[in-house]
Structure formats: structure tokens, C-alpha cells
Amino acid sequence: MVYGTNFACDNSTYNLAPGHCIVSMPFAAKVCDRLSQCGGFEVTTDAAWHDLFDVNGLPSAELFSVTDTATPNVEWTPYLKVVVQ
């Protein structure tokens, strides 16, 4: 699945792409947890995408909004945010 790209977290100090919310994997869950509109994050096997966004050998992930809709795509794997109440 791949989610829409209408979620931006430009105010995050970890964001690697203004207008989106792309962060290094070690920070993906942490950043998503503190943003109420974050629905989770997704990772891809697309080498070109990783060439653009990976930093210092750390893979990156893109966060998505709770309102984004998923489209089937074999290159992307989503991880939904779990809210514990």
C-alpha cells in the first residue's frame, strides 16, 4: 500500500523534505506519536527514493495522515500508528 502525500510536518526538526513528512527510520515512530494527525509511516524498497532521502546510512520513512487513503503498491509497506488508551 502507499498512502497519500498530503501530510506535512515541516515544523519537525527531523523532517527531510518540506511539504511532506520524511524522517529517518529511528525517528519515524517518535515523530508520529507526537503528531496527533499522524496515522503511521511507510517504508519503500525503491532504491531511487532511498538515494534521495536516506541520511548517513539510515533508511528513511514517510509519515502519513489519519485522513490519507491507501492505494495498493508492492514497493511500500505501511506501519499504522497504534493508540493505547
PDB file of N, CA and C in Angstrom:
ATOM      1  N   MET A   1       0.841  -1.182   0.000  1.00  0.00           N
ATOM      2  CA  MET A   1       0.000   0.000   0.000  1.00  0.00           C
ATOM      3  C   MET A   1       0.880   1.237   0.000  1.00  0.00           C
ATOM      4  N   VAL A   2       0.369   2.275  -0.565  1.00  0.00           N
ATOM      5  CA  VAL A   2       1.023   3.569  -0.474  1.00  0.00           C
ATOM      6  C   VAL A   2      -0.056   4.577  -0.090  1.00  0.00           C
ATOM      7  N   TYR A   3       0.282   5.456   0.816  1.00  0.00           N
ATOM      8  CA  TYR A   3      -0.668   6.450   1.287  1.00  0.00           C
ATOM      9  C   TYR A   3      -0.443   7.769   0.567  1.00  0.00           C
ATOM     10  N   GLY A   4      -1.416   8.648   0.651  1.00  0.00           N
ATOM     11  CA  GLY A   4      -1.310   9.959   0.028  1.00  0.00           C
ATOM     12  C   GLY A   4      -0.172  10.763   0.619  1.00  0.00           C
ATOM     13  N   THR A   5       0.173  11.840  -0.029  1.00  0.00           N
ATOM     14  CA  THR A   5       1.295  12.649   0.447  1.00  0.00           C
ATOM     15  C   THR A   5       0.825  14.032   0.884  1.00  0.00           C
ATOM     16  N   ASN A   6      -0.386  14.095   1.450  1.00  0.00           N
ATOM     17  CA  ASN A   6      -0.906  15.399   1.857  1.00  0.00           C
ATOM     18  C   ASN A   6      -0.560  15.742   3.302  1.00  0.00           C
ATOM     19  N   PHE A   7       0.311  14.984   3.911  1.00  0.00           N
ATOM     20  CA  PHE A   7       0.688  15.214   5.303  1.00  0.00           C
ATOM     21  C   PHE A   7       2.059  15.869   5.351  1.00  0.00           C
ATOM     22  N   ALA A   8       2.143  17.025   5.978  1.00  0.00           N
ATOM     23  CA  ALA A   8       3.418  17.734   6.103  1.00  0.00           C
ATOM     24  C   ALA A   8       3.734  17.943   7.570  1.00  0.00           C
ATOM     25  N   CYS A   9       4.984  17.791   7.909  1.00  0.00           N
ATOM     26  CA  CYS A   9       5.408  18.064   9.287  1.00  0.00           C
ATOM     27  C   CYS A   9       6.627  18.979   9.236  1.00  0.00           C
ATOM     28  N   ASP A  10       6.512  20.037   8.475  1.00  0.00           N
ATOM     29  CA  ASP A  10       7.636  20.945   8.265  1.00  0.00           C
ATOM     30  C   ASP A  10       8.199  21.513   9.562  1.00  0.00           C
ATOM     31  N   ASN A  11       7.393  21.522  10.606  1.00  0.00           N
ATOM     32  CA  ASN A  11       7.876  22.062  11.871  1.00  0.00           C
ATOM     33  C   ASN A  11       8.713  21.047  12.644  1.00  0.00           C
ATOM     34  N   SER A  12       8.789  19.812  12.151  1.00  0.00           N
ATOM     35  CA  SER A  12       9.597  18.796  12.815  1.00  0.00           C
ATOM     36  C   SER A  12      11.071  19.020  12.515  1.00  0.00           C
ATOM     37  N   THR A  13      11.889  18.986  13.534  1.00  0.00           N
ATOM     38  CA  THR A  13      13.325  19.169  13.329  1.00  0.00           C
ATOM     39  C   THR A  13      13.939  17.993  12.582  1.00  0.00           C
ATOM     40  N   TYR A  14      13.206  16.881  12.484  1.00  0.00           N
ATOM     41  CA  TYR A  14      13.722  15.698  11.807  1.00  0.00           C
ATOM     42  C   TYR A  14      13.296  15.604  10.346  1.00  0.00           C
ATOM     43  N   ASN A  15      12.386  16.471   9.896  1.00  0.00           N
ATOM     44  CA  ASN A  15      11.838  16.359   8.540  1.00  0.00           C
ATOM     45  C   ASN A  15      12.917  16.600   7.481  1.00  0.00           C
ATOM     46  N   LEU A  16      12.968  15.703   6.493  1.00  0.00           N
ATOM     47  CA  LEU A  16      13.973  15.770   5.427  1.00  0.00           C
ATOM     48  C   LEU A  16      13.433  16.360   4.136  1.00  0.00           C
ATOM     49  N   ALA A  17      12.118  16.609   4.050  1.00  0.00           N
ATOM     50  CA  ALA A  17      11.524  17.073   2.800  1.00  0.00           C
ATOM     51  C   ALA A  17      10.359  18.022   3.073  1.00  0.00           C
ATOM     52  N   PRO A  18      10.579  19.329   2.971  1.00  0.00           N
ATOM     53  CA  PRO A  18       9.484  20.277   3.163  1.00  0.00           C
ATOM     54  C   PRO A  18       8.293  19.949   2.255  1.00  0.00           C
ATOM     55  N   GLY A  19       7.095  20.052   2.818  1.00  0.00           N
ATOM     56  CA  GLY A  19       5.891  19.732   2.067  1.00  0.00           C
ATOM     57  C   GLY A  19       5.455  18.285   2.227  1.00  0.00           C
ATOM     58  N   HIS A  20       6.292  17.491   2.834  1.00  0.00           N
ATOM     59  CA  HIS A  20       5.999  16.083   3.128  1.00  0.00           C
ATOM     60  C   HIS A  20       6.399  15.850   4.581  1.00  0.00           C
ATOM     61  N   CYS A  21       6.446  14.622   4.974  1.00  0.00           N
ATOM     62  CA  CYS A  21       6.941  14.292   6.300  1.00  0.00           C
ATOM     63  C   CYS A  21       7.802  13.043   6.163  1.00  0.00           C
ATOM     64  N   ILE A  22       9.058  13.253   5.807  1.00  0.00           N
ATOM     65  CA  ILE A  22      10.002  12.159   5.603  1.00  0.00           C
ATOM     66  C   ILE A  22      11.081  12.288   6.668  1.00  0.00           C
ATOM     67  N   VAL A  23      11.238  11.229   7.443  1.00  0.00           N
ATOM     68  CA  VAL A  23      12.177  11.236   8.558  1.00  0.00           C
ATOM     69  C   VAL A  23      13.008   9.960   8.533  1.00  0.00           C
ATOM     70  N   SER A  24      14.150   9.985   9.199  1.00  0.00           N
ATOM     71  CA  SER A  24      14.954   8.776   9.335  1.00  0.00           C
ATOM     72  C   SER A  24      14.178   7.753  10.154  1.00  0.00           C
ATOM     73  N   MET A  25      14.339   6.485   9.809  1.00  0.00           N
ATOM     74  CA  MET A  25      13.598   5.414  10.481  1.00  0.00           C
ATOM     75  C   MET A  25      13.697   5.454  12.005  1.00  0.00           C
ATOM     76  N   PRO A  26      14.862   5.750  12.587  1.00  0.00           N
ATOM     77  CA  PRO A  26      14.904   5.761  14.050  1.00  0.00           C
ATOM     78  C   PRO A  26      13.943   6.773  14.683  1.00  0.00           C
ATOM     79  N   PHE A  27      13.522   7.766  13.923  1.00  0.00           N
ATOM     80  CA  PHE A  27      12.647   8.806  14.456  1.00  0.00           C
ATOM     81  C   PHE A  27      11.192   8.671  14.006  1.00  0.00           C
ATOM     82  N   ALA A  28      10.897   7.758  13.085  1.00  0.00           N
ATOM     83  CA  ALA A  28       9.559   7.684  12.492  1.00  0.00           C
ATOM     84  C   ALA A  28       8.458   7.509  13.540  1.00  0.00           C
ATOM     85  N   ALA A  29       8.568   6.511  14.387  1.00  0.00           N
ATOM     86  CA  ALA A  29       7.525   6.276  15.392  1.00  0.00           C
ATOM     87  C   ALA A  29       7.477   7.413  16.405  1.00  0.00           C
ATOM     88  N   LYS A  30       8.636   7.914  16.807  1.00  0.00           N
ATOM     89  CA  LYS A  30       8.699   9.006  17.790  1.00  0.00           C
ATOM     90  C   LYS A  30       8.014  10.267  17.266  1.00  0.00           C
ATOM     91  N   VAL A  31       8.330  10.641  16.024  1.00  0.00           N
ATOM     92  CA  VAL A  31       7.726  11.838  15.431  1.00  0.00           C
ATOM     93  C   VAL A  31       6.225  11.625  15.244  1.00  0.00           C
ATOM     94  N   CYS A  32       5.835  10.460  14.735  1.00  0.00           N
ATOM     95  CA  CYS A  32       4.410  10.175  14.509  1.00  0.00           C
ATOM     96  C   CYS A  32       3.630  10.210  15.828  1.00  0.00           C
ATOM     97  N   ASP A  33       4.186   9.637  16.866  1.00  0.00           N
ATOM     98  CA  ASP A  33       3.496   9.597  18.155  1.00  0.00           C
ATOM     99  C   ASP A  33       3.171  10.981  18.694  1.00  0.00           C
ATOM    100  N   ARG A  34       4.035  11.942  18.433  1.00  0.00           N
ATOM    101  CA  ARG A  34       3.789  13.271  19.000  1.00  0.00           C
ATOM    102  C   ARG A  34       2.924  14.157  18.104  1.00  0.00           C
ATOM    103  N   LEU A  35       2.597  13.694  16.884  1.00  0.00           N
ATOM    104  CA  LEU A  35       1.738  14.458  15.969  1.00  0.00           C
ATOM    105  C   LEU A  35       0.357  13.823  15.942  1.00  0.00           C
ATOM    106  N   SER A  36      -0.639  14.530  16.445  1.00  0.00           N
ATOM    107  CA  SER A  36      -1.982  13.950  16.571  1.00  0.00           C
ATOM    108  C   SER A  36      -2.589  13.540  15.237  1.00  0.00           C
ATOM    109  N   GLN A  37      -2.241  14.201  14.150  1.00  0.00           N
ATOM    110  CA  GLN A  37      -2.817  13.868  12.842  1.00  0.00           C
ATOM    111  C   GLN A  37      -2.038  12.786  12.096  1.00  0.00           C
ATOM    112  N   CYS A  38      -0.970  12.253  12.687  1.00  0.00           N
ATOM    113  CA  CYS A  38      -0.190  11.200  12.039  1.00  0.00           C
ATOM    114  C   CYS A  38      -0.905   9.865  12.183  1.00  0.00           C
ATOM    115  N   GLY A  39      -1.074   9.178  11.057  1.00  0.00           N
ATOM    116  CA  GLY A  39      -1.730   7.878  11.070  1.00  0.00           C
ATOM    117  C   GLY A  39      -0.760   6.715  11.060  1.00  0.00           C
ATOM    118  N   GLY A  40       0.516   7.010  10.813  1.00  0.00           N
ATOM    119  CA  GLY A  40       1.534   5.968  10.761  1.00  0.00           C
ATOM    120  C   GLY A  40       2.640   6.380   9.810  1.00  0.00           C
ATOM    121  N   PHE A  41       3.475   5.409   9.448  1.00  0.00           N
ATOM    122  CA  PHE A  41       4.535   5.691   8.493  1.00  0.00           C
ATOM    123  C   PHE A  41       4.685   4.508   7.552  1.00  0.00           C
ATOM    124  N   GLU A  42       5.352   4.745   6.440  1.00  0.00           N
ATOM    125  CA  GLU A  42       5.554   3.686   5.461  1.00  0.00           C
ATOM    126  C   GLU A  42       6.995   3.711   4.969  1.00  0.00           C
ATOM    127  N   VAL A  43       7.458   2.526   4.585  1.00  0.00           N
ATOM    128  CA  VAL A  43       8.809   2.383   4.050  1.00  0.00           C
ATOM    129  C   VAL A  43       8.725   1.778   2.660  1.00  0.00           C
ATOM    130  N   THR A  44       9.738   2.045   1.855  1.00  0.00           N
ATOM    131  CA  THR A  44       9.738   1.576   0.476  1.00  0.00           C
ATOM    132  C   THR A  44      11.005   0.802   0.155  1.00  0.00           C
ATOM    133  N   THR A  45      10.924  -0.017  -0.879  1.00  0.00           N
ATOM    134  CA  THR A  45      12.089  -0.722  -1.401  1.00  0.00           C
ATOM    135  C   THR A  45      12.669   0.008  -2.605  1.00  0.00           C
ATOM    136  N   ASP A  46      12.118   1.165  -2.957  1.00  0.00           N
ATOM    137  CA  ASP A  46      12.573   1.941  -4.117  1.00  0.00           C
ATOM    138  C   ASP A  46      13.952   2.548  -3.840  1.00  0.00           C
ATOM    139  N   ALA A  47      14.970   2.054  -4.550  1.00  0.00           N
ATOM    140  CA  ALA A  47      16.353   2.499  -4.332  1.00  0.00           C
ATOM    141  C   ALA A  47      16.531   3.984  -4.634  1.00  0.00           C
ATOM    142  N   ALA A  48      15.869   4.497  -5.662  1.00  0.00           N
ATOM    143  CA  ALA A  48      15.999   5.918  -6.016  1.00  0.00           C
ATOM    144  C   ALA A  48      15.457   6.802  -4.902  1.00  0.00           C
ATOM    145  N   TRP A  49      14.357   6.395  -4.300  1.00  0.00           N
ATOM    146  CA  TRP A  49      13.781   7.158  -3.185  1.00  0.00           C
ATOM    147  C   TRP A  49      14.769   7.197  -2.027  1.00  0.00           C
ATOM    148  N   HIS A  50      15.377   6.043  -1.725  1.00  0.00           N
ATOM    149  CA  HIS A  50      16.350   5.994  -0.627  1.00  0.00           C
ATOM    150  C   HIS A  50      17.595   6.815  -0.947  1.00  0.00           C
ATOM    151  N   ASP A  51      18.000   6.840  -2.206  1.00  0.00           N
ATOM    152  CA  ASP A  51      19.142   7.676  -2.600  1.00  0.00           C
ATOM    153  C   ASP A  51      18.875   9.145  -2.292  1.00  0.00           C
ATOM    154  N   LEU A  52      17.625   9.571  -2.431  1.00  0.00           N
ATOM    155  CA  LEU A  52      17.260  10.961  -2.163  1.00  0.00           C
ATOM    156  C   LEU A  52      17.165  11.298  -0.675  1.00  0.00           C
ATOM    157  N   PHE A  53      16.639  10.363   0.112  1.00  0.00           N
ATOM    158  CA  PHE A  53      16.255  10.707   1.479  1.00  0.00           C
ATOM    159  C   PHE A  53      17.016  10.029   2.612  1.00  0.00           C
ATOM    160  N   ASP A  54      17.709   8.952   2.356  1.00  0.00           N
ATOM    161  CA  ASP A  54      18.461   8.317   3.438  1.00  0.00           C
ATOM    162  C   ASP A  54      19.617   9.219   3.856  1.00  0.00           C
ATOM    163  N   VAL A  55      19.939   9.225   5.136  1.00  0.00           N
ATOM    164  CA  VAL A  55      20.986  10.099   5.668  1.00  0.00           C
ATOM    165  C   VAL A  55      21.975   9.282   6.488  1.00  0.00           C
ATOM    166  N   ASN A  56      23.228   9.412   6.164  1.00  0.00           N
ATOM    167  CA  ASN A  56      24.298   8.737   6.908  1.00  0.00           C
ATOM    168  C   ASN A  56      24.034   7.241   7.090  1.00  0.00           C
ATOM    169  N   GLY A  57      23.534   6.596   6.053  1.00  0.00           N
ATOM    170  CA  GLY A  57      23.281   5.161   6.105  1.00  0.00           C
ATOM    171  C   GLY A  57      21.994   4.765   6.795  1.00  0.00           C
ATOM    172  N   LEU A  58      21.237   5.737   7.308  1.00  0.00           N
ATOM    173  CA  LEU A  58      19.961   5.434   7.965  1.00  0.00           C
ATOM    174  C   LEU A  58      18.826   5.497   6.951  1.00  0.00           C
ATOM    175  N   PRO A  59      18.040   4.426   6.809  1.00  0.00           N
ATOM    176  CA  PRO A  59      16.903   4.476   5.895  1.00  0.00           C
ATOM    177  C   PRO A  59      15.855   5.457   6.399  1.00  0.00           C
ATOM    178  N   SER A  60      15.038   5.935   5.468  1.00  0.00           N
ATOM    179  CA  SER A  60      14.000   6.911   5.789  1.00  0.00           C
ATOM    180  C   SER A  60      12.612   6.310   5.621  1.00  0.00           C
ATOM    181  N   ALA A  61      11.647   6.978   6.223  1.00  0.00           N
ATOM    182  CA  ALA A  61      10.245   6.583   6.130  1.00  0.00           C
ATOM    183  C   ALA A  61       9.409   7.836   5.915  1.00  0.00           C
ATOM    184  N   GLU A  62       8.244   7.665   5.304  1.00  0.00           N
ATOM    185  CA  GLU A  62       7.329   8.796   5.114  1.00  0.00           C
ATOM    186  C   GLU A  62       6.124   8.616   6.007  1.00  0.00           C
ATOM    187  N   LEU A  63       5.823   9.654   6.777  1.00  0.00           N
ATOM    188  CA  LEU A  63       4.656   9.625   7.644  1.00  0.00           C
ATOM    189  C   LEU A  63       3.420  10.001   6.831  1.00  0.00           C
ATOM    190  N   PHE A  64       2.268   9.488   7.244  1.00  0.00           N
ATOM    191  CA  PHE A  64       1.026   9.826   6.560  1.00  0.00           C
ATOM    192  C   PHE A  64      -0.038  10.219   7.574  1.00  0.00           C
ATOM    193  N   SER A  65      -1.025  10.926   7.079  1.00  0.00           N
ATOM    194  CA  SER A  65      -2.089  11.470   7.913  1.00  0.00           C
ATOM    195  C   SER A  65      -3.154  10.419   8.224  1.00  0.00           C
ATOM    196  N   VAL A  66      -3.886  10.634   9.297  1.00  0.00           N
ATOM    197  CA  VAL A  66      -5.011   9.764   9.629  1.00  0.00           C
ATOM    198  C   VAL A  66      -6.094   9.840   8.558  1.00  0.00           C
ATOM    199  N   THR A  67      -6.094  10.890   7.740  1.00  0.00           N
ATOM    200  CA  THR A  67      -7.111  11.034   6.693  1.00  0.00           C
ATOM    201  C   THR A  67      -6.653  10.536   5.329  1.00  0.00           C
ATOM    202  N   ASP A  68      -5.388  10.139   5.202  1.00  0.00           N
ATOM    203  CA  ASP A  68      -4.896   9.623   3.922  1.00  0.00           C
ATOM    204  C   ASP A  68      -5.552   8.287   3.589  1.00  0.00           C
ATOM    205  N   THR A  69      -5.708   8.031   2.302  1.00  0.00           N
ATOM    206  CA  THR A  69      -6.251   6.752   1.856  1.00  0.00           C
ATOM    207  C   THR A  69      -5.131   5.938   1.222  1.00  0.00           C
ATOM    208  N   ALA A  70      -5.219   4.628   1.351  1.00  0.00           N
ATOM    209  CA  ALA A  70      -4.182   3.738   0.848  1.00  0.00           C
ATOM    210  C   ALA A  70      -4.506   3.263  -0.565  1.00  0.00           C
ATOM    211  N   THR A  71      -3.458   3.161  -1.384  1.00  0.00           N
ATOM    212  CA  THR A  71      -3.552   2.627  -2.733  1.00  0.00           C
ATOM    213  C   THR A  71      -2.588   1.446  -2.805  1.00  0.00           C
ATOM    214  N   PRO A  72      -3.010   0.313  -3.374  1.00  0.00           N
ATOM    215  CA  PRO A  72      -2.105  -0.834  -3.454  1.00  0.00           C
ATOM    216  C   PRO A  72      -0.805  -0.491  -4.183  1.00  0.00           C
ATOM    217  N   ASN A  73       0.311  -0.903  -3.605  1.00  0.00           N
ATOM    218  CA  ASN A  73       1.625  -0.680  -4.197  1.00  0.00           C
ATOM    219  C   ASN A  73       2.594  -1.648  -3.521  1.00  0.00           C
ATOM    220  N   VAL A  74       3.204  -2.543  -4.297  1.00  0.00           N
ATOM    221  CA  VAL A  74       4.065  -3.577  -3.719  1.00  0.00           C
ATOM    222  C   VAL A  74       5.387  -3.041  -3.197  1.00  0.00           C
ATOM    223  N   GLU A  75       5.763  -1.811  -3.546  1.00  0.00           N
ATOM    224  CA  GLU A  75       7.037  -1.250  -3.096  1.00  0.00           C
ATOM    225  C   GLU A  75       6.958  -0.597  -1.713  1.00  0.00           C
ATOM    226  N   TRP A  76       5.770  -0.369  -1.197  1.00  0.00           N
ATOM    227  CA  TRP A  76       5.606   0.342   0.076  1.00  0.00           C
ATOM    228  C   TRP A  76       4.953  -0.550   1.123  1.00  0.00           C
ATOM    229  N   THR A  77       5.464  -0.476   2.337  1.00  0.00           N
ATOM    230  CA  THR A  77       4.888  -1.218   3.460  1.00  0.00           C
ATOM    231  C   THR A  77       4.497  -0.212   4.543  1.00  0.00           C
ATOM    232  N   PRO A  78       3.206  -0.167   4.897  1.00  0.00           N
ATOM    233  CA  PRO A  78       2.762   0.786   5.924  1.00  0.00           C
ATOM    234  C   PRO A  78       2.833   0.177   7.330  1.00  0.00           C
ATOM    235  N   TYR A  79       3.047   1.052   8.312  1.00  0.00           N
ATOM    236  CA  TYR A  79       3.004   0.716   9.720  1.00  0.00           C
ATOM    237  C   TYR A  79       2.054   1.706  10.377  1.00  0.00           C
ATOM    238  N   LEU A  80       0.879   1.217  10.747  1.00  0.00           N
ATOM    239  CA  LEU A  80      -0.149   2.083  11.316  1.00  0.00           C
ATOM    240  C   LEU A  80       0.180   2.456  12.757  1.00  0.00           C
ATOM    241  N   LYS A  81      -0.129   3.693  13.090  1.00  0.00           N
ATOM    242  CA  LYS A  81       0.063   4.176  14.459  1.00  0.00           C
ATOM    243  C   LYS A  81      -0.923   3.479  15.384  1.00  0.00           C
ATOM    244  N   VAL A  82      -0.440   3.000  16.480  1.00  0.00           N
ATOM    245  CA  VAL A  82      -1.283   2.340  17.472  1.00  0.00           C
ATOM    246  C   VAL A  82      -1.475   3.318  18.615  1.00  0.00           C
ATOM    247  N   VAL A  83      -2.721   3.595  18.922  1.00  0.00           N
ATOM    248  CA  VAL A  83      -3.029   4.499  20.016  1.00  0.00           C
ATOM    249  C   VAL A  83      -3.498   3.658  21.203  1.00  0.00           C
ATOM    250  N   VAL A  84      -2.771   3.723  22.302  1.00  0.00           N
ATOM    251  CA  VAL A  84      -3.111   2.985  23.514  1.00  0.00           C
ATOM    252  C   VAL A  84      -3.894   3.915  24.437  1.00  0.00           C
ATOM    253  N   GLN A  85      -5.041   3.437  24.860  1.00  0.00           N
ATOM    254  CA  GLN A  85      -5.879   4.273  25.718  1.00  0.00           C
ATOM    255  C   GLN A  85      -5.951   3.727  27.100  1.00  0.00           C
TER     256      GLN A  85
END
